[in-house]
Amino acid sequence: MSINLKPFPITMELNETDLQELHQFIYVNRKIVREFSEEYLILFNFATDCIYAQYIQPELIKVLLPFYLKAMEEAVLHENEIAMDIYNQFNTAMFFNQKNFKCAVGEKSYFQIMQQYIKLTIQKMERYCLYMSKWISLFNTTIAICNDNIQQLFFQIFHGSLEVKCSFFQYLSVLLFKESDNIFILDSVKEFWTSDIWNFDEGYFSQNIFWNDEIVKIFDQEINRTRIEILFHEIKTWISTTFDLEFIDLFSEEMNHSFVTGVFSDRKMEYLKKINSKSNKDYYWDQTF
């Protein structure tokens, strides 16, 4: 696939992006479907410019978008190192300069980009069912970059496959239990692994991506005892293929205890407070063990 493009003047102020390299990338190497190489790193530099730009040139960003979306797929699904650097920096640009970015790409393209984020998030949750660390940073980022995304994600999760429901339930189990009490875990390969729940896919120059107040309010309303109990009932049959009946009964009792004693409400409050914070620091649970 190639881009049919007539030359146009680049009027956007660029500080990090080499103009000659950018021209070469656009007009000489125009095939989108090709093996990733260091040439793609020009997109990292351009994303850095977009973080701070007061004006993002529509013609320029629209030409580069197909390459960015390819980089995103390579990063999310194949963990290509070059693509991951580009994708992370692009996330930072979209989050911190959302108004100018959205204005430059237009409503239609912006909606398509968001749909790609949601699609890949669901796809990765299904692929790595019960391995939260593989997808949580993408999930958090998808929600952070657009307020509408959280409701769309919730809809696809709650009406989705058993695999994606199980992935999401494991994530919710972190809000139900302290790390030392959580028996619904398969990938606890490092200490304090539950702190991954606050991770985002961020670039090197990030000012720390976070969930805004509106997103936090939606999450607080949607994720409650009734929702969690319904979800657990739906996945019981599926998890019985991994865990025995005795485990399921024990987990149900412990989950009820978390609700009754206020552990869930306290941990959800702590989680939302920290994911809503603008401070650039590592987060750990107040009570882990």
C-alpha atoms as a PDB file:
ATOM      1  CA  MET A   1       0.000   0.000   0.000  1.00  0.00           C
ATOM      2  CA  SER A   2       1.378   3.417  -0.973  1.00  0.00           C
ATOM      3  CA  ILE A   3       0.395   7.008  -0.390  1.00  0.00           C
ATOM      4  CA  ASN A   4      -0.494   9.008  -3.503  1.00  0.00           C
ATOM      5  CA  LEU A   5       0.607  12.449  -2.476  1.00  0.00           C
ATOM      6  CA  LYS A   6       1.276  15.777  -4.090  1.00  0.00           C
ATOM      7  CA  PRO A   7       4.067  17.795  -2.465  1.00  0.00           C
ATOM      8  CA  PHE A   8       2.888  20.413   0.001  1.00  0.00           C
ATOM      9  CA  PRO A   9       4.784  22.999   2.070  1.00  0.00           C
ATOM     10  CA  ILE A  10       5.469  22.139   5.701  1.00  0.00           C
ATOM     11  CA  THR A  11       4.413  25.200   7.675  1.00  0.00           C
ATOM     12  CA  MET A  12       4.420  23.665  11.162  1.00  0.00           C
ATOM     13  CA  GLU A  13       7.242  24.707  13.475  1.00  0.00           C
ATOM     14  CA  LEU A  14       9.526  21.720  14.044  1.00  0.00           C
ATOM     15  CA  ASN A  15      12.266  21.681  16.667  1.00  0.00           C
ATOM     16  CA  GLU A  16      13.002  17.978  17.112  1.00  0.00           C
ATOM     17  CA  THR A  17      12.207  16.779  13.582  1.00  0.00           C
ATOM     18  CA  ASP A  18      14.791  17.011  10.823  1.00  0.00           C
ATOM     19  CA  LEU A  19      12.949  18.498   7.849  1.00  0.00           C
ATOM     20  CA  GLN A  20      15.069  16.747   5.210  1.00  0.00           C
ATOM     21  CA  GLU A  21      14.587  13.338   6.844  1.00  0.00           C
ATOM     22  CA  LEU A  22      10.869  13.992   7.143  1.00  0.00           C
ATOM     23  CA  HIS A  23      10.617  14.868   3.440  1.00  0.00           C
ATOM     24  CA  GLN A  24      12.489  11.698   2.547  1.00  0.00           C
ATOM     25  CA  PHE A  25      10.240   9.597   4.745  1.00  0.00           C
ATOM     26  CA  ILE A  26       7.074  11.064   3.214  1.00  0.00           C
ATOM     27  CA  TYR A  27       8.006  11.297  -0.459  1.00  0.00           C
ATOM     28  CA  VAL A  28      10.663   8.615  -0.987  1.00  0.00           C
ATOM     29  CA  ASN A  29       9.657   5.783   1.336  1.00  0.00           C
ATOM     30  CA  ARG A  30       5.905   5.888   0.910  1.00  0.00           C
ATOM     31  CA  LYS A  31       5.041   2.220   1.304  1.00  0.00           C
ATOM     32  CA  ILE A  32       3.142   1.725   4.555  1.00  0.00           C
ATOM     33  CA  VAL A  33       3.419  -2.052   4.530  1.00  0.00           C
ATOM     34  CA  ARG A  34       7.102  -2.705   4.953  1.00  0.00           C
ATOM     35  CA  GLU A  35       9.479  -3.985   7.577  1.00  0.00           C
ATOM     36  CA  PHE A  36      10.083  -1.617  10.449  1.00  0.00           C
ATOM     37  CA  SER A  37      13.470   0.080  10.460  1.00  0.00           C
ATOM     38  CA  GLU A  38      15.255   2.988  12.096  1.00  0.00           C
ATOM     39  CA  GLU A  39      13.751   5.270   9.434  1.00  0.00           C
ATOM     40  CA  TYR A  40      10.512   5.137  11.382  1.00  0.00           C
ATOM     41  CA  LEU A  41      12.163   6.970  14.272  1.00  0.00           C
ATOM     42  CA  ILE A  42      11.453  10.247  12.466  1.00  0.00           C
ATOM     43  CA  LEU A  43       7.911   9.695  13.738  1.00  0.00           C
ATOM     44  CA  PHE A  44       9.226   9.692  17.301  1.00  0.00           C
ATOM     45  CA  ASN A  45      10.786  13.110  16.728  1.00  0.00           C
ATOM     46  CA  PHE A  46       7.605  14.428  15.129  1.00  0.00           C
ATOM     47  CA  ALA A  47       5.508  13.122  18.037  1.00  0.00           C
ATOM     48  CA  THR A  48       7.833  14.986  20.397  1.00  0.00           C
ATOM     49  CA  ASP A  49       7.174  18.195  18.453  1.00  0.00           C
ATOM     50  CA  CYS A  50       3.437  17.510  18.653  1.00  0.00           C
ATOM     51  CA  ILE A  51       3.513  17.359  22.465  1.00  0.00           C
ATOM     52  CA  TYR A  52       4.272  21.069  22.687  1.00  0.00           C
ATOM     53  CA  ALA A  53       3.004  22.391  19.347  1.00  0.00           C
ATOM     54  CA  GLN A  54       0.462  25.201  19.424  1.00  0.00           C
ATOM     55  CA  TYR A  55      -0.352  24.286  15.831  1.00  0.00           C
ATOM     56  CA  ILE A  56      -0.260  20.807  14.274  1.00  0.00           C
ATOM     57  CA  GLN A  57      -0.422  20.991  10.494  1.00  0.00           C
ATOM     58  CA  PRO A  58      -3.443  18.970   9.251  1.00  0.00           C
ATOM     59  CA  GLU A  59      -1.883  17.946   5.908  1.00  0.00           C
ATOM     60  CA  LEU A  60       1.223  16.687   7.662  1.00  0.00           C
ATOM     61  CA  ILE A  61      -0.388  14.718  10.495  1.00  0.00           C
ATOM     62  CA  LYS A  62      -2.888  13.108   8.121  1.00  0.00           C
ATOM     63  CA  VAL A  63      -0.069  11.851   5.901  1.00  0.00           C
ATOM     64  CA  LEU A  64       1.792  10.405   8.878  1.00  0.00           C
ATOM     65  CA  LEU A  65      -1.236   8.822  10.588  1.00  0.00           C
ATOM     66  CA  PRO A  66      -1.155   5.526   8.627  1.00  0.00           C
ATOM     67  CA  PHE A  67       2.467   5.080   9.699  1.00  0.00           C
ATOM     68  CA  TYR A  68       1.594   5.845  13.311  1.00  0.00           C
ATOM     69  CA  LEU A  69      -1.247   3.326  13.292  1.00  0.00           C
ATOM     70  CA  LYS A  70       1.083   0.712  11.849  1.00  0.00           C
ATOM     71  CA  ALA A  71       3.611   1.562  14.560  1.00  0.00           C
ATOM     72  CA  MET A  72       0.906   1.176  17.174  1.00  0.00           C
ATOM     73  CA  GLU A  73      -0.049  -2.288  15.940  1.00  0.00           C
ATOM     74  CA  GLU A  74       3.598  -3.356  15.776  1.00  0.00           C
ATOM     75  CA  ALA A  75       4.142  -2.089  19.317  1.00  0.00           C
ATOM     76  CA  VAL A  76       1.014  -3.514  20.912  1.00  0.00           C
ATOM     77  CA  LEU A  77       0.831  -6.899  19.209  1.00  0.00           C
ATOM     78  CA  HIS A  78       4.467  -7.624  18.329  1.00  0.00           C
ATOM     79  CA  GLU A  79       6.441  -5.513  20.853  1.00  0.00           C
ATOM     80  CA  ASN A  80       8.751  -4.114  18.198  1.00  0.00           C
ATOM     81  CA  GLU A  81      11.160  -1.860  20.118  1.00  0.00           C
ATOM     82  CA  ILE A  82      11.276   0.922  17.527  1.00  0.00           C
ATOM     83  CA  ALA A  83       7.503   0.880  17.195  1.00  0.00           C
ATOM     84  CA  MET A  84       7.062   0.957  20.974  1.00  0.00           C
ATOM     85  CA  ASP A  85       9.149   4.124  21.300  1.00  0.00           C
ATOM     86  CA  ILE A  86       7.074   5.813  18.585  1.00  0.00           C
ATOM     87  CA  TYR A  87       3.756   4.609  19.956  1.00  0.00           C
ATOM     88  CA  ASN A  88       4.538   5.704  23.516  1.00  0.00           C
ATOM     89  CA  GLN A  89       5.604   9.181  22.412  1.00  0.00           C
ATOM     90  CA  PHE A  90       2.541   9.462  20.208  1.00  0.00           C
ATOM     91  CA  ASN A  91       0.336   8.634  23.216  1.00  0.00           C
ATOM     92  CA  THR A  92       1.935  11.428  25.177  1.00  0.00           C
ATOM     93  CA  ALA A  93       1.328  13.886  22.332  1.00  0.00           C
ATOM     94  CA  MET A  94      -2.327  12.914  22.013  1.00  0.00           C
ATOM     95  CA  PHE A  95      -2.903  13.161  25.748  1.00  0.00           C
ATOM     96  CA  PHE A  96      -1.177  16.443  26.513  1.00  0.00           C
ATOM     97  CA  ASN A  97      -2.087  18.203  23.266  1.00  0.00           C
ATOM     98  CA  GLN A  98      -5.469  16.586  22.660  1.00  0.00           C
ATOM     99  CA  LYS A  99      -7.310  19.718  21.538  1.00  0.00           C
ATOM    100  CA  ASN A 100      -4.785  20.682  18.842  1.00  0.00           C
ATOM    101  CA  PHE A 101      -4.305  17.065  17.758  1.00  0.00           C
ATOM    102  CA  LYS A 102      -8.034  16.498  17.387  1.00  0.00           C
ATOM    103  CA  CYS A 103      -8.421  19.739  15.456  1.00  0.00           C
ATOM    104  CA  ALA A 104      -5.601  18.760  13.070  1.00  0.00           C
ATOM    105  CA  VAL A 105      -6.829  15.234  12.228  1.00  0.00           C
ATOM    106  CA  GLY A 106     -10.554  16.032  12.207  1.00  0.00           C
ATOM    107  CA  GLU A 107     -13.473  14.345  13.953  1.00  0.00           C
ATOM    108  CA  LYS A 108     -13.732  11.375  11.581  1.00  0.00           C
ATOM    109  CA  SER A 109     -10.055  10.410  11.727  1.00  0.00           C
ATOM    110  CA  TYR A 110      -9.935  10.981  15.474  1.00  0.00           C
ATOM    111  CA  PHE A 111     -12.875   8.596  15.952  1.00  0.00           C
ATOM    112  CA  GLN A 112     -11.130   5.976  13.782  1.00  0.00           C
ATOM    113  CA  ILE A 113      -7.956   6.290  15.834  1.00  0.00           C
ATOM    114  CA  MET A 114      -9.902   5.779  19.053  1.00  0.00           C
ATOM    115  CA  GLN A 115     -11.620   2.716  17.566  1.00  0.00           C
ATOM    116  CA  GLN A 116      -8.195   1.271  16.802  1.00  0.00           C
ATOM    117  CA  TYR A 117      -7.116   1.758  20.413  1.00  0.00           C
ATOM    118  CA  ILE A 118     -10.271   0.049  21.680  1.00  0.00           C
ATOM    119  CA  LYS A 119      -9.971  -2.804  19.181  1.00  0.00           C
ATOM    120  CA  LEU A 120      -6.348  -3.530  20.108  1.00  0.00           C
ATOM    121  CA  THR A 121      -7.092  -3.290  23.827  1.00  0.00           C
ATOM    122  CA  ILE A 122      -9.819  -5.924  23.579  1.00  0.00           C
ATOM    123  CA  GLN A 123      -7.656  -8.061  21.321  1.00  0.00           C
ATOM    124  CA  LYS A 124      -4.765  -8.001  23.775  1.00  0.00           C
ATOM    125  CA  MET A 125      -7.022  -8.727  26.756  1.00  0.00           C
ATOM    126  CA  GLU A 126      -8.290 -11.816  24.937  1.00  0.00           C
ATOM    127  CA  ARG A 127      -4.820 -12.917  23.888  1.00  0.00           C
ATOM    128  CA  TYR A 128      -3.376 -12.632  27.401  1.00  0.00           C
ATOM    129  CA  CYS A 129      -6.345 -13.790  29.434  1.00  0.00           C
ATOM    130  CA  LEU A 130      -5.440 -13.884  33.159  1.00  0.00           C
ATOM    131  CA  TYR A 131      -2.116 -12.138  32.510  1.00  0.00           C
ATOM    132  CA  MET A 132      -2.993  -8.569  33.420  1.00  0.00           C
ATOM    133  CA  SER A 133       0.538  -7.196  33.206  1.00  0.00           C
ATOM    134  CA  LYS A 134       0.495  -7.771  29.441  1.00  0.00           C
ATOM    135  CA  TRP A 135      -2.390  -5.407  28.714  1.00  0.00           C
ATOM    136  CA  ILE A 136      -3.083  -3.095  31.658  1.00  0.00           C
ATOM    137  CA  SER A 137      -0.951  -0.160  30.446  1.00  0.00           C
ATOM    138  CA  LEU A 138      -2.724  -0.191  27.064  1.00  0.00           C
ATOM    139  CA  PHE A 139      -6.114  -0.361  28.816  1.00  0.00           C
ATOM    140  CA  ASN A 140      -5.265   2.630  31.017  1.00  0.00           C
ATOM    141  CA  THR A 141      -3.874   4.616  28.095  1.00  0.00           C
ATOM    142  CA  THR A 142      -6.868   3.945  25.852  1.00  0.00           C
ATOM    143  CA  ILE A 143      -9.143   5.298  28.554  1.00  0.00           C
ATOM    144  CA  ALA A 144      -6.964   8.321  29.328  1.00  0.00           C
ATOM    145  CA  ILE A 145      -6.648   9.726  25.796  1.00  0.00           C
ATOM    146  CA  CYS A 146     -10.404  10.189  25.243  1.00  0.00           C
ATOM    147  CA  ASN A 147     -13.258  10.441  27.751  1.00  0.00           C
ATOM    148  CA  ASP A 148     -15.612   8.486  25.481  1.00  0.00           C
ATOM    149  CA  ASN A 149     -13.367   5.419  25.391  1.00  0.00           C
ATOM    150  CA  ILE A 150     -14.117   4.093  28.871  1.00  0.00           C
ATOM    151  CA  GLN A 151     -17.814   3.544  28.182  1.00  0.00           C
ATOM    152  CA  GLN A 152     -17.088   1.916  24.828  1.00  0.00           C
ATOM    153  CA  LEU A 153     -14.504  -0.372  26.426  1.00  0.00           C
ATOM    154  CA  PHE A 154     -16.868  -1.348  29.219  1.00  0.00           C
ATOM    155  CA  PHE A 155     -19.593  -2.151  26.692  1.00  0.00           C
ATOM    156  CA  GLN A 156     -17.285  -4.414  24.678  1.00  0.00           C
ATOM    157  CA  ILE A 157     -15.958  -6.111  27.813  1.00  0.00           C
ATOM    158  CA  PHE A 158     -19.336  -6.792  29.408  1.00  0.00           C
ATOM    159  CA  HIS A 159     -20.793  -7.977  26.089  1.00  0.00           C
ATOM    160  CA  GLY A 160     -17.617  -9.684  24.944  1.00  0.00           C
ATOM    161  CA  SER A 161     -16.021 -13.107  25.058  1.00  0.00           C
ATOM    162  CA  LEU A 162     -15.426 -15.094  28.238  1.00  0.00           C
ATOM    163  CA  GLU A 163     -11.688 -14.564  27.762  1.00  0.00           C
ATOM    164  CA  VAL A 164     -11.958 -10.790  27.872  1.00  0.00           C
ATOM    165  CA  LYS A 165     -14.360 -10.970  30.830  1.00  0.00           C
ATOM    166  CA  CYS A 166     -11.915 -13.164  32.727  1.00  0.00           C
ATOM    167  CA  SER A 167      -9.073 -10.775  31.998  1.00  0.00           C
ATOM    168  CA  PHE A 168     -11.119  -7.878  33.288  1.00  0.00           C
ATOM    169  CA  PHE A 169     -12.208  -9.798  36.369  1.00  0.00           C
ATOM    170  CA  GLN A 170      -8.598 -10.538  37.275  1.00  0.00           C
ATOM    171  CA  TYR A 171      -7.940  -6.800  37.031  1.00  0.00           C
ATOM    172  CA  LEU A 172     -10.888  -6.141  39.358  1.00  0.00           C
ATOM    173  CA  SER A 173      -9.548  -8.741  41.791  1.00  0.00           C
ATOM    174  CA  VAL A 174      -6.671  -6.344  42.501  1.00  0.00           C
ATOM    175  CA  LEU A 175      -9.278  -3.929  43.845  1.00  0.00           C
ATOM    176  CA  LEU A 176     -10.901  -6.705  45.879  1.00  0.00           C
ATOM    177  CA  PHE A 177      -7.817  -8.086  47.629  1.00  0.00           C
ATOM    178  CA  LYS A 178      -4.397  -7.186  48.890  1.00  0.00           C
ATOM    179  CA  GLU A 179      -1.638  -8.834  46.893  1.00  0.00           C
ATOM    180  CA  SER A 180      -0.944 -11.417  49.584  1.00  0.00           C
ATOM    181  CA  ASP A 181      -4.645 -12.378  49.717  1.00  0.00           C
ATOM    182  CA  ASN A 182      -5.300 -12.625  45.979  1.00  0.00           C
ATOM    183  CA  ILE A 183      -5.609 -16.254  44.876  1.00  0.00           C
ATOM    184  CA  PHE A 184      -6.922 -15.420  41.410  1.00  0.00           C
ATOM    185  CA  ILE A 185      -3.468 -14.710  40.008  1.00  0.00           C
ATOM    186  CA  LEU A 186      -1.267 -16.617  37.576  1.00  0.00           C
ATOM    187  CA  ASP A 187       1.369 -14.052  36.623  1.00  0.00           C
ATOM    188  CA  SER A 188       2.731 -12.768  39.935  1.00  0.00           C
ATOM    189  CA  VAL A 189       6.328 -13.085  38.755  1.00  0.00           C
ATOM    190  CA  LYS A 190       7.652 -10.066  40.673  1.00  0.00           C
ATOM    191  CA  GLU A 191       7.121  -8.372  43.984  1.00  0.00           C
ATOM    192  CA  PHE A 192       4.523  -5.626  44.104  1.00  0.00           C
ATOM    193  CA  TRP A 193       3.197  -6.712  40.699  1.00  0.00           C
ATOM    194  CA  THR A 194      -0.212  -5.239  41.532  1.00  0.00           C
ATOM    195  CA  SER A 195       1.328  -1.758  41.259  1.00  0.00           C
ATOM    196  CA  ASP A 196       1.291  -2.361  37.482  1.00  0.00           C
ATOM    197  CA  ILE A 197      -2.381  -1.425  37.677  1.00  0.00           C
ATOM    198  CA  TRP A 198      -1.319   2.248  37.447  1.00  0.00           C
ATOM    199  CA  ASN A 199       0.902   1.829  34.381  1.00  0.00           C
ATOM    200  CA  PHE A 200       0.477   3.803  31.149  1.00  0.00           C
ATOM    201  CA  ASP A 201       2.171   3.567  27.752  1.00  0.00           C
ATOM    202  CA  GLU A 202       4.084   6.831  27.941  1.00  0.00           C
ATOM    203  CA  GLY A 203       6.873   8.470  25.971  1.00  0.00           C
ATOM    204  CA  TYR A 204      10.257   9.549  27.252  1.00  0.00           C
ATOM    205  CA  PHE A 205       9.167  13.156  27.692  1.00  0.00           C
ATOM    206  CA  SER A 206       5.866  12.358  29.389  1.00  0.00           C
ATOM    207  CA  GLN A 207       4.544  14.601  32.138  1.00  0.00           C
ATOM    208  CA  ASN A 208       2.717  11.555  33.514  1.00  0.00           C
ATOM    209  CA  ILE A 209      -0.529  10.493  31.867  1.00  0.00           C
ATOM    210  CA  PHE A 210      -3.497  10.192  34.215  1.00  0.00           C
ATOM    211  CA  TRP A 211      -7.267   9.688  34.255  1.00  0.00           C
ATOM    212  CA  ASN A 212      -9.179  12.945  34.542  1.00  0.00           C
ATOM    213  CA  ASP A 213     -12.042  13.602  36.968  1.00  0.00           C
ATOM    214  CA  GLU A 214     -14.761  12.685  34.465  1.00  0.00           C
ATOM    215  CA  ILE A 215     -13.210   9.292  33.737  1.00  0.00           C
ATOM    216  CA  VAL A 216     -12.764   8.570  37.444  1.00  0.00           C
ATOM    217  CA  LYS A 217     -16.426   9.411  38.063  1.00  0.00           C
ATOM    218  CA  ILE A 218     -17.566   7.009  35.316  1.00  0.00           C
ATOM    219  CA  PHE A 219     -15.369   4.205  36.637  1.00  0.00           C
ATOM    220  CA  ASP A 220     -16.603   4.766  40.185  1.00  0.00           C
ATOM    221  CA  GLN A 221     -20.219   4.535  39.065  1.00  0.00           C
ATOM    222  CA  GLU A 222     -19.834   1.567  36.734  1.00  0.00           C
ATOM    223  CA  ILE A 223     -17.575  -0.671  38.816  1.00  0.00           C
ATOM    224  CA  ASN A 224     -19.542  -1.701  41.884  1.00  0.00           C
ATOM    225  CA  ARG A 225     -20.477  -4.811  43.836  1.00  0.00           C
ATOM    226  CA  THR A 226     -23.438  -5.707  41.618  1.00  0.00           C
ATOM    227  CA  ARG A 227     -21.371  -5.433  38.435  1.00  0.00           C
ATOM    228  CA  ILE A 228     -18.546  -7.544  39.859  1.00  0.00           C
ATOM    229  CA  GLU A 229     -20.842 -10.274  41.186  1.00  0.00           C
ATOM    230  CA  ILE A 230     -22.630 -10.545  37.837  1.00  0.00           C
ATOM    231  CA  LEU A 231     -19.291 -10.775  36.045  1.00  0.00           C
ATOM    232  CA  PHE A 232     -18.052 -13.471  38.422  1.00  0.00           C
ATOM    233  CA  HIS A 233     -21.217 -15.504  37.854  1.00  0.00           C
ATOM    234  CA  GLU A 234     -20.722 -15.259  34.078  1.00  0.00           C
ATOM    235  CA  ILE A 235     -17.144 -16.545  34.144  1.00  0.00           C
ATOM    236  CA  LYS A 236     -17.592 -19.332  36.721  1.00  0.00           C
ATOM    237  CA  THR A 237     -17.871 -22.051  34.108  1.00  0.00           C
ATOM    238  CA  TRP A 238     -14.840 -20.798  32.219  1.00  0.00           C
ATOM    239  CA  ILE A 239     -12.556 -20.504  35.249  1.00  0.00           C
ATOM    240  CA  SER A 240     -13.571 -24.003  36.386  1.00  0.00           C
ATOM    241  CA  THR A 241     -11.348 -25.254  33.542  1.00  0.00           C
ATOM    242  CA  THR A 242      -8.372 -23.647  35.312  1.00  0.00           C
ATOM    243  CA  PHE A 243      -9.381 -23.760  38.980  1.00  0.00           C
ATOM    244  CA  ASP A 244     -11.289 -26.463  40.849  1.00  0.00           C
ATOM    245  CA  LEU A 245     -14.724 -26.041  42.464  1.00  0.00           C
ATOM    246  CA  GLU A 246     -13.249 -25.700  45.952  1.00  0.00           C
ATOM    247  CA  PHE A 247     -11.251 -22.670  44.779  1.00  0.00           C
ATOM    248  CA  ILE A 248     -14.332 -21.044  43.226  1.00  0.00           C
ATOM    249  CA  ASP A 249     -16.337 -21.439  46.445  1.00  0.00           C
ATOM    250  CA  LEU A 250     -13.455 -20.064  48.532  1.00  0.00           C
ATOM    251  CA  PHE A 251     -12.969 -17.127  46.216  1.00  0.00           C
ATOM    252  CA  SER A 252     -16.686 -16.313  46.350  1.00  0.00           C
ATOM    253  CA  GLU A 253     -16.558 -16.248  50.151  1.00  0.00           C
ATOM    254  CA  GLU A 254     -13.453 -14.038  50.185  1.00  0.00           C
ATOM    255  CA  MET A 255     -14.980 -11.684  47.634  1.00  0.00           C
ATOM    256  CA  ASN A 256     -18.104 -11.287  49.778  1.00  0.00           C
ATOM    257  CA  HIS A 257     -15.861 -10.573  52.781  1.00  0.00           C
ATOM    258  CA  SER A 258     -14.091  -7.829  50.812  1.00  0.00           C
ATOM    259  CA  PHE A 259     -17.403  -6.116  50.083  1.00  0.00           C
ATOM    260  CA  VAL A 260     -18.800  -6.464  53.617  1.00  0.00           C
ATOM    261  CA  THR A 261     -15.674  -5.258  55.422  1.00  0.00           C
ATOM    262  CA  GLY A 262     -15.095  -2.312  53.074  1.00  0.00           C
ATOM    263  CA  VAL A 263     -11.810  -3.578  51.634  1.00  0.00           C
ATOM    264  CA  PHE A 264     -13.098  -3.207  48.072  1.00  0.00           C
ATOM    265  CA  SER A 265     -14.447   0.323  48.567  1.00  0.00           C
ATOM    266  CA  ASP A 266     -11.210   1.437  50.260  1.00  0.00           C
ATOM    267  CA  ARG A 267      -8.979  -0.061  47.576  1.00  0.00           C
ATOM    268  CA  LYS A 268     -11.101   1.331  44.749  1.00  0.00           C
ATOM    269  CA  MET A 269     -10.888   4.769  46.340  1.00  0.00           C
ATOM    270  CA  GLU A 270      -7.096   4.503  46.650  1.00  0.00           C
ATOM    271  CA  TYR A 271      -6.782   3.229  43.080  1.00  0.00           C
ATOM    272  CA  LEU A 272      -8.825   6.076  41.614  1.00  0.00           C
ATOM    273  CA  LYS A 273      -7.063   8.719  43.691  1.00  0.00           C
ATOM    274  CA  LYS A 274      -3.655   7.599  42.444  1.00  0.00           C
ATOM    275  CA  ILE A 275      -4.603   7.077  38.798  1.00  0.00           C
ATOM    276  CA  ASN A 276      -6.128  10.577  38.879  1.00  0.00           C
ATOM    277  CA  SER A 277      -2.911  12.109  40.234  1.00  0.00           C
ATOM    278  CA  LYS A 278      -0.718  14.311  38.025  1.00  0.00           C
ATOM    279  CA  SER A 279       2.417  13.648  40.060  1.00  0.00           C
ATOM    280  CA  ASN A 280       5.232  11.828  38.295  1.00  0.00           C
ATOM    281  CA  LYS A 281       6.081   9.085  40.788  1.00  0.00           C
ATOM    282  CA  ASP A 282       5.845   5.334  41.189  1.00  0.00           C
ATOM    283  CA  TYR A 283       2.718   4.101  42.924  1.00  0.00           C
ATOM    284  CA  TYR A 284       2.392   1.318  45.455  1.00  0.00           C
ATOM    285  CA  TRP A 285      -0.589   0.147  47.461  1.00  0.00           C
ATOM    286  CA  ASP A 286      -0.807   1.427  51.011  1.00  0.00           C
ATOM    287  CA  GLN A 287      -1.379  -2.181  52.055  1.00  0.00           C
ATOM    288  CA  THR A 288       0.155  -4.890  49.896  1.00  0.00           C
ATOM    289  CA  PHE A 289       0.874  -7.769  52.253  1.00  0.00           C
END
